Amino acid sequence: MLKFFQQRSLKAENLIRTLQKDLEFLTKVIAYKADQEKEAATKETTDLQAQVQSLKCQLIAVEISHGIKQVPVTSSPAVQPVKAPSVEKSPKPNLGPKAKSPKPEVKAEKTPVAEAPAVEAEKKDKAKKEPKPKPERGAGDGGEEKPVDVSRLNMRIGKIVEVEKHPDADALYVEKVDVGEEKPRTIVSGLVNHVPIEQMQGRIAVFLLNLKPAKMRGVMSEGMIMCANTPEKVEILIPPAGAVIGDKISFDKYEGSPDLPFMNPKKKIFEAVQPEFLVNAEGVATYKGSFFKIEGKGLVTSPTVRLGGIK
């Protein structure tokens, strides 16, 4: 009888082990299917977001072509309530029945003491040595003070007519760019790792033309091609349809004239303006909410970068 119960106990243990293995297998299958469904849902959401952004860009382009002005949406700062200044009440004098009226206090006037001649001479010397701050002047504008904003930049449409890799730098292209001047400009760009050379040849893009020319690995560069960027990618901005060589990029609310022939590098104007460049959620290039645009033709956009920088 004891042997019979031992055999039954052994069978029960084997059955429990089998059930545990089956349960583990089913758990893994369920987790795998859940992961697959989650990946599929994530991919579908990403695809839908890309389609929505594409449709938004198409809608903006259609509105521009029909003459509908695009107004950038900016959030107005919250108005803080102004508190009325508190007025301190002076304590009333405790005038008892025998209190006497206080006599007015007479303050003796201090006679100003003349400073020693040596101190006066030292102050005059300091005043001569300290340089007076000079207001910033614009180039070629009669010396008028100019605000530091995007209107100081000369950005125009150009076409890459020749391109080759830099002879001494693997990551640089050397481009000949027609911007509507007497002869093409030479521009050096660090795009070898981001844009194939066949996509550079004949490319129409936005170029910044009033940076002071500078040598890049021995080749003088006379401008900059404007690109959208994120930590993961860099891509060339796209001008609106109908843009031609020499078209100027303009901005609502910033009507000033650019510094010509180039900005003073000591003033660091581009360095102050560039951090305000942004590709918005619709893929349109902006400066402080104002669109990069060509008057009467449309907006400058980025192929795929959203909420990225521009440089």
Protein backbone atom coordinates (compact mmCIF):
# COMPACT_ATOMS: atom_id res chain seq x y z
CA MET A 1 0.00 0.00 0.00
CA LEU A 2 2.87 2.42 0.85
CA LYS A 3 4.49 1.75 -2.51
CA PHE A 4 1.22 2.60 -4.24
CA PHE A 5 1.04 6.01 -2.53
CA GLN A 6 4.70 6.71 -3.33
CA GLN A 7 4.04 6.07 -7.03
CA ARG A 8 0.98 8.35 -6.97
CA SER A 9 3.03 11.10 -5.25
CA LEU A 10 5.78 10.80 -7.88
CA LYS A 11 3.22 11.09 -10.70
CA ALA A 12 1.72 14.17 -9.06
CA GLU A 13 5.14 15.85 -8.80
CA ASN A 14 5.86 15.11 -12.47
CA LEU A 15 2.47 16.53 -13.42
CA ILE A 16 3.14 19.71 -11.42
CA ARG A 17 6.54 20.17 -13.13
CA THR A 18 4.93 19.74 -16.55
CA LEU A 19 2.23 22.30 -15.71
CA GLN A 20 4.86 24.78 -14.48
CA LYS A 21 6.83 24.45 -17.74
CA ASP A 22 3.65 24.95 -19.77
CA LEU A 23 2.79 28.03 -17.69
CA GLU A 24 6.26 29.54 -18.23
CA PHE A 25 6.00 28.91 -21.97
CA LEU A 26 2.54 30.55 -22.16
CA THR A 27 3.83 33.57 -20.19
CA LYS A 28 6.70 34.04 -22.66
CA VAL A 29 4.34 33.73 -25.65
CA ILE A 30 1.94 36.31 -24.17
CA ALA A 31 4.82 38.75 -23.44
CA TYR A 32 6.22 38.32 -26.96
CA LYS A 33 2.84 39.04 -28.55
CA ALA A 34 2.36 42.08 -26.31
CA ASP A 35 5.75 43.46 -27.39
CA GLN A 36 4.87 42.91 -31.05
CA GLU A 37 1.54 44.70 -30.66
CA LYS A 38 3.24 47.59 -28.82
CA GLU A 39 5.86 47.99 -31.58
CA ALA A 40 3.16 47.91 -34.25
CA ALA A 41 1.12 50.55 -32.42
CA THR A 42 4.19 52.77 -31.96
CA LYS A 43 5.10 52.51 -35.65
CA GLU A 44 1.52 53.27 -36.67
CA THR A 45 1.47 56.36 -34.39
CA THR A 46 4.78 57.61 -35.82
CA ASP A 47 3.53 57.13 -39.39
CA LEU A 48 0.31 59.00 -38.60
CA GLN A 49 2.23 61.89 -37.02
CA ALA A 50 4.47 62.15 -40.09
CA GLN A 51 1.40 62.17 -42.37
CA VAL A 52 -0.23 64.91 -40.27
CA GLN A 53 2.92 67.08 -40.41
CA SER A 54 3.17 66.57 -44.17
CA LEU A 55 -0.47 67.57 -44.65
CA LYS A 56 0.07 70.67 -42.48
CA CYS A 57 3.01 71.76 -44.64
CA GLN A 58 0.97 71.17 -47.80
CA LEU A 59 -1.90 73.22 -46.34
CA ILE A 60 0.44 76.12 -45.52
CA ALA A 61 1.87 76.01 -49.05
CA VAL A 62 -1.65 76.04 -50.58
CA GLU A 63 -2.72 78.96 -48.36
CA ILE A 64 0.41 80.92 -49.33
CA SER A 65 -0.23 80.27 -53.05
CA HIS A 66 -3.78 81.65 -52.61
CA GLY A 67 -2.54 84.81 -50.94
CA ILE A 68 -3.50 83.88 -47.38
CA LYS A 69 -1.02 85.55 -45.02
CA GLN A 70 0.51 83.27 -42.39
CA VAL A 71 0.50 84.72 -38.88
CA PRO A 72 2.93 83.15 -36.38
CA VAL A 73 1.32 82.14 -33.09
CA THR A 74 3.19 83.41 -30.04
CA SER A 75 2.19 83.03 -26.45
CA SER A 76 1.62 86.33 -24.66
CA PRO A 77 3.34 86.64 -21.30
CA ALA A 78 1.11 86.45 -18.28
CA VAL A 79 0.24 89.82 -16.83
CA GLN A 80 1.28 90.05 -13.24
CA PRO A 81 -1.07 92.01 -10.98
CA VAL A 82 0.46 95.23 -9.70
CA LYS A 83 0.23 95.66 -5.98
CA ALA A 84 -0.38 99.11 -4.61
CA PRO A 85 2.49 100.31 -2.46
CA SER A 86 1.78 100.04 1.21
CA VAL A 87 1.69 103.32 3.14
CA GLU A 88 3.13 103.23 6.60
CA LYS A 89 1.12 105.15 9.13
CA SER A 90 3.14 107.24 11.54
CA PRO A 91 2.24 106.60 15.18
CA LYS A 92 0.20 109.31 16.82
CA PRO A 93 1.96 111.09 19.66
CA ASN A 94 0.60 110.26 23.10
CA LEU A 95 -0.51 113.66 24.31
CA GLY A 96 -1.70 113.48 27.85
CA PRO A 97 -3.36 116.33 29.72
CA LYS A 98 0.05 117.68 30.82
CA ALA A 99 1.80 116.94 27.49
CA LYS A 100 3.66 119.86 26.00
CA SER A 101 3.92 120.50 22.28
CA PRO A 102 7.33 119.34 21.00
CA LYS A 103 9.76 122.04 20.00
CA PRO A 104 10.92 121.99 16.41
CA GLU A 105 14.32 120.37 16.04
CA VAL A 106 16.87 122.61 14.41
CA LYS A 107 19.46 120.78 12.32
CA ALA A 108 22.75 122.41 11.70
CA GLU A 109 23.64 122.66 8.03
CA LYS A 110 26.90 121.06 7.11
CA THR A 111 29.25 123.18 5.13
CA PRO A 112 30.67 121.19 2.19
CA VAL A 113 34.36 120.56 2.58
CA ALA A 114 36.43 121.14 -0.52
CA GLU A 115 38.40 118.11 -1.59
CA ALA A 116 42.12 118.22 -1.58
CA PRO A 117 43.74 119.19 -4.92
CA ALA A 118 45.50 115.80 -5.15
CA VAL A 119 42.16 113.90 -4.91
CA GLU A 120 40.56 116.10 -7.59
CA ALA A 121 43.51 115.52 -9.94
CA GLU A 122 43.28 111.73 -9.40
CA LYS A 123 39.56 111.73 -10.32
CA LYS A 124 40.25 113.68 -13.52
CA ASP A 125 42.94 111.18 -14.54
CA LYS A 126 40.54 108.24 -14.02
CA ALA A 127 37.84 109.94 -16.09
CA LYS A 128 40.29 110.41 -18.96
CA LYS A 129 41.52 106.79 -18.85
CA GLU A 130 38.09 105.12 -18.74
CA PRO A 131 36.88 104.56 -22.36
CA LYS A 132 33.36 105.64 -23.13
CA PRO A 133 31.10 102.84 -24.51
CA LYS A 134 30.56 103.24 -28.24
CA PRO A 135 27.08 102.58 -29.69
CA GLU A 136 26.99 99.88 -32.34
CA ARG A 137 26.99 101.28 -35.86
CA GLY A 138 25.76 99.63 -39.03
CA ALA A 139 28.01 99.18 -42.05
CA GLY A 140 27.26 101.61 -44.86
CA ASP A 141 24.19 103.14 -43.19
CA GLY A 142 25.51 106.57 -42.27
CA GLY A 143 26.49 105.46 -38.76
CA GLU A 144 22.96 104.93 -37.45
CA GLU A 145 22.47 102.58 -34.52
CA LYS A 146 20.97 99.24 -35.59
CA PRO A 147 19.30 96.55 -33.45
CA VAL A 148 20.93 93.13 -33.27
CA ASP A 149 18.36 90.93 -35.00
CA VAL A 150 17.88 88.77 -38.10
CA SER A 151 17.54 91.81 -40.41
CA ARG A 152 21.34 92.24 -40.13
CA LEU A 153 21.85 88.91 -42.00
CA ASN A 154 21.97 88.80 -45.81
CA MET A 155 20.36 85.45 -46.69
CA ARG A 156 19.58 84.74 -50.34
CA ILE A 157 18.76 81.88 -52.70
CA GLY A 158 21.72 80.35 -54.53
CA LYS A 159 22.47 77.35 -56.77
CA ILE A 160 25.45 75.00 -56.40
CA VAL A 161 26.97 74.88 -59.90
CA GLU A 162 30.10 72.89 -58.95
CA VAL A 163 30.99 70.74 -55.95
CA GLU A 164 33.94 68.59 -54.95
CA LYS A 165 35.44 67.18 -51.77
CA HIS A 166 38.01 69.33 -50.00
CA PRO A 167 41.52 68.11 -50.94
CA ASP A 168 42.73 68.28 -47.32
CA ALA A 169 39.58 67.52 -45.27
CA ASP A 170 37.47 64.36 -45.63
CA ALA A 171 34.32 65.92 -44.06
CA LEU A 172 34.21 69.13 -46.17
CA TYR A 173 32.73 70.01 -49.57
CA VAL A 174 34.05 72.92 -51.67
CA GLU A 175 31.18 74.44 -53.66
CA LYS A 176 30.89 77.08 -56.39
CA VAL A 177 27.56 78.85 -55.74
CA ASP A 178 25.68 81.20 -58.08
CA VAL A 179 23.88 83.81 -55.93
CA GLY A 180 23.17 86.30 -58.75
CA GLU A 181 26.50 88.13 -58.56
CA GLU A 182 29.08 88.65 -61.32
CA LYS A 183 30.85 85.41 -60.48
CA PRO A 184 30.08 82.38 -58.28
CA ARG A 185 31.15 82.36 -54.64
CA THR A 186 33.32 79.67 -53.08
CA ILE A 187 31.63 78.17 -50.01
CA VAL A 188 33.02 75.37 -47.82
CA SER A 189 30.47 73.15 -46.02
CA GLY A 190 30.91 70.29 -43.55
CA LEU A 191 28.19 68.10 -45.11
CA VAL A 192 30.11 65.12 -46.47
CA ASN A 193 28.81 62.84 -43.69
CA HIS A 194 25.21 64.09 -44.06
CA VAL A 195 24.44 64.75 -47.76
CA PRO A 196 25.71 62.66 -50.71
CA ILE A 197 27.70 64.63 -53.30
CA GLU A 198 25.18 63.81 -56.06
CA GLN A 199 22.49 65.59 -54.01
CA MET A 200 24.72 68.67 -53.68
CA GLN A 201 25.30 69.18 -57.42
CA GLY A 202 22.74 71.63 -58.84
CA ARG A 203 21.10 72.11 -55.41
CA ILE A 204 19.06 75.30 -54.84
CA ALA A 205 19.31 76.38 -51.20
CA VAL A 206 19.44 79.29 -48.74
CA PHE A 207 22.89 80.86 -48.25
CA LEU A 208 24.16 83.37 -45.68
CA LEU A 209 26.37 85.78 -47.64
CA ASN A 210 27.60 88.50 -45.28
CA LEU A 211 29.84 86.49 -42.98
CA LYS A 212 33.42 87.72 -43.21
CA PRO A 213 35.34 85.37 -45.59
CA ALA A 214 37.52 82.90 -43.71
CA LYS A 215 39.89 80.09 -44.66
CA MET A 216 38.78 76.54 -43.92
CA ARG A 217 41.72 74.14 -44.19
CA GLY A 218 43.40 76.44 -46.71
CA VAL A 219 40.32 77.26 -48.85
CA MET A 220 38.67 80.70 -48.51
CA SER A 221 34.94 80.32 -47.76
CA GLU A 222 32.64 83.24 -48.67
CA GLY A 223 29.39 82.18 -47.03
CA MET A 224 27.36 79.44 -45.39
CA ILE A 225 24.62 77.06 -46.57
CA MET A 226 21.70 77.09 -44.09
CA CYS A 227 20.71 73.69 -42.67
CA ALA A 228 18.25 72.30 -40.13
CA ASN A 229 19.83 70.11 -37.47
CA THR A 230 19.20 67.85 -34.51
CA PRO A 231 21.71 65.73 -32.57
CA GLU A 232 20.87 62.88 -34.97
CA LYS A 233 20.77 64.55 -38.41
CA VAL A 234 21.62 67.57 -40.57
CA GLU A 235 19.62 68.47 -43.70
CA ILE A 236 19.58 71.40 -46.13
CA LEU A 237 16.63 73.82 -45.87
CA ILE A 238 14.21 73.84 -48.84
CA PRO A 239 13.23 77.17 -50.49
CA PRO A 240 9.58 77.64 -51.56
CA ALA A 241 8.46 76.62 -55.04
CA GLY A 242 9.21 79.34 -57.58
CA ALA A 243 12.27 80.68 -55.75
CA VAL A 244 15.00 81.94 -58.10
CA ILE A 245 18.68 82.75 -57.69
CA GLY A 246 19.20 85.97 -55.74
CA ASP A 247 15.79 86.01 -53.97
CA LYS A 248 16.07 87.55 -50.50
CA ILE A 249 14.88 85.80 -47.31
CA SER A 250 12.76 88.21 -45.27
CA PHE A 251 10.93 88.20 -41.93
CA ASP A 252 7.77 89.90 -40.68
CA LYS A 253 8.48 92.55 -38.01
CA TYR A 254 12.21 92.71 -38.95
CA GLU A 255 12.50 95.19 -41.82
CA GLY A 256 16.07 96.46 -41.30
CA SER A 257 18.82 96.29 -43.92
CA PRO A 258 21.68 93.75 -43.76
CA ASP A 259 25.27 94.71 -42.95
CA LEU A 260 27.18 94.90 -46.24
CA PRO A 261 29.55 93.69 -47.51
CA PHE A 262 29.82 91.64 -44.32
CA MET A 263 29.10 91.81 -40.58
CA ASN A 264 31.82 92.94 -38.19
CA PRO A 265 33.05 89.64 -36.65
CA LYS A 266 33.98 91.44 -33.41
CA LYS A 267 30.29 92.31 -32.83
CA LYS A 268 29.31 88.59 -33.00
CA ILE A 269 25.94 89.44 -34.57
CA PHE A 270 25.37 85.99 -36.09
CA GLU A 271 26.30 84.34 -32.78
CA ALA A 272 23.61 86.44 -31.05
CA VAL A 273 20.92 85.79 -33.68
CA GLN A 274 21.47 82.10 -34.50
CA PRO A 275 20.25 80.63 -31.16
CA GLU A 276 16.78 82.09 -31.92
CA PHE A 277 16.48 80.05 -35.17
CA LEU A 278 14.05 77.11 -34.91
CA VAL A 279 12.29 74.65 -37.19
CA ASN A 280 8.77 74.58 -35.73
CA ALA A 281 6.43 71.60 -35.34
CA GLU A 282 5.12 72.14 -38.89
CA GLY A 283 8.63 72.03 -40.40
CA VAL A 284 8.82 75.79 -41.15
CA ALA A 285 12.06 77.69 -40.46
CA THR A 286 11.49 80.56 -37.98
CA TYR A 287 13.24 83.36 -36.07
CA LYS A 288 11.50 84.26 -32.80
CA GLY A 289 8.23 82.98 -34.30
CA SER A 290 8.60 84.87 -37.62
CA PHE A 291 8.82 82.67 -40.73
CA PHE A 292 11.77 82.46 -43.12
CA LYS A 293 9.97 83.54 -46.33
CA ILE A 294 10.38 84.91 -49.84
CA GLU A 295 7.84 87.65 -50.35
CA GLY A 296 5.04 86.50 -52.65
CA LYS A 297 6.48 82.97 -53.08
CA GLY A 298 6.19 81.13 -49.78
CA LEU A 299 8.05 79.74 -46.77
CA VAL A 300 11.39 78.01 -46.23
CA THR A 301 10.95 74.51 -44.77
CA SER A 302 12.90 71.47 -43.57
CA PRO A 303 12.42 68.03 -45.19
CA THR A 304 12.02 65.99 -41.97
CA VAL A 305 13.54 67.89 -39.00
CA ARG A 306 10.95 69.12 -36.49
CA LEU A 307 11.70 71.30 -33.45
CA GLY A 308 15.36 71.48 -34.42
CA GLY A 309 17.96 74.23 -34.75
CA ILE A 310 19.23 76.03 -37.87
CA LYS A 311 22.82 76.87 -38.68
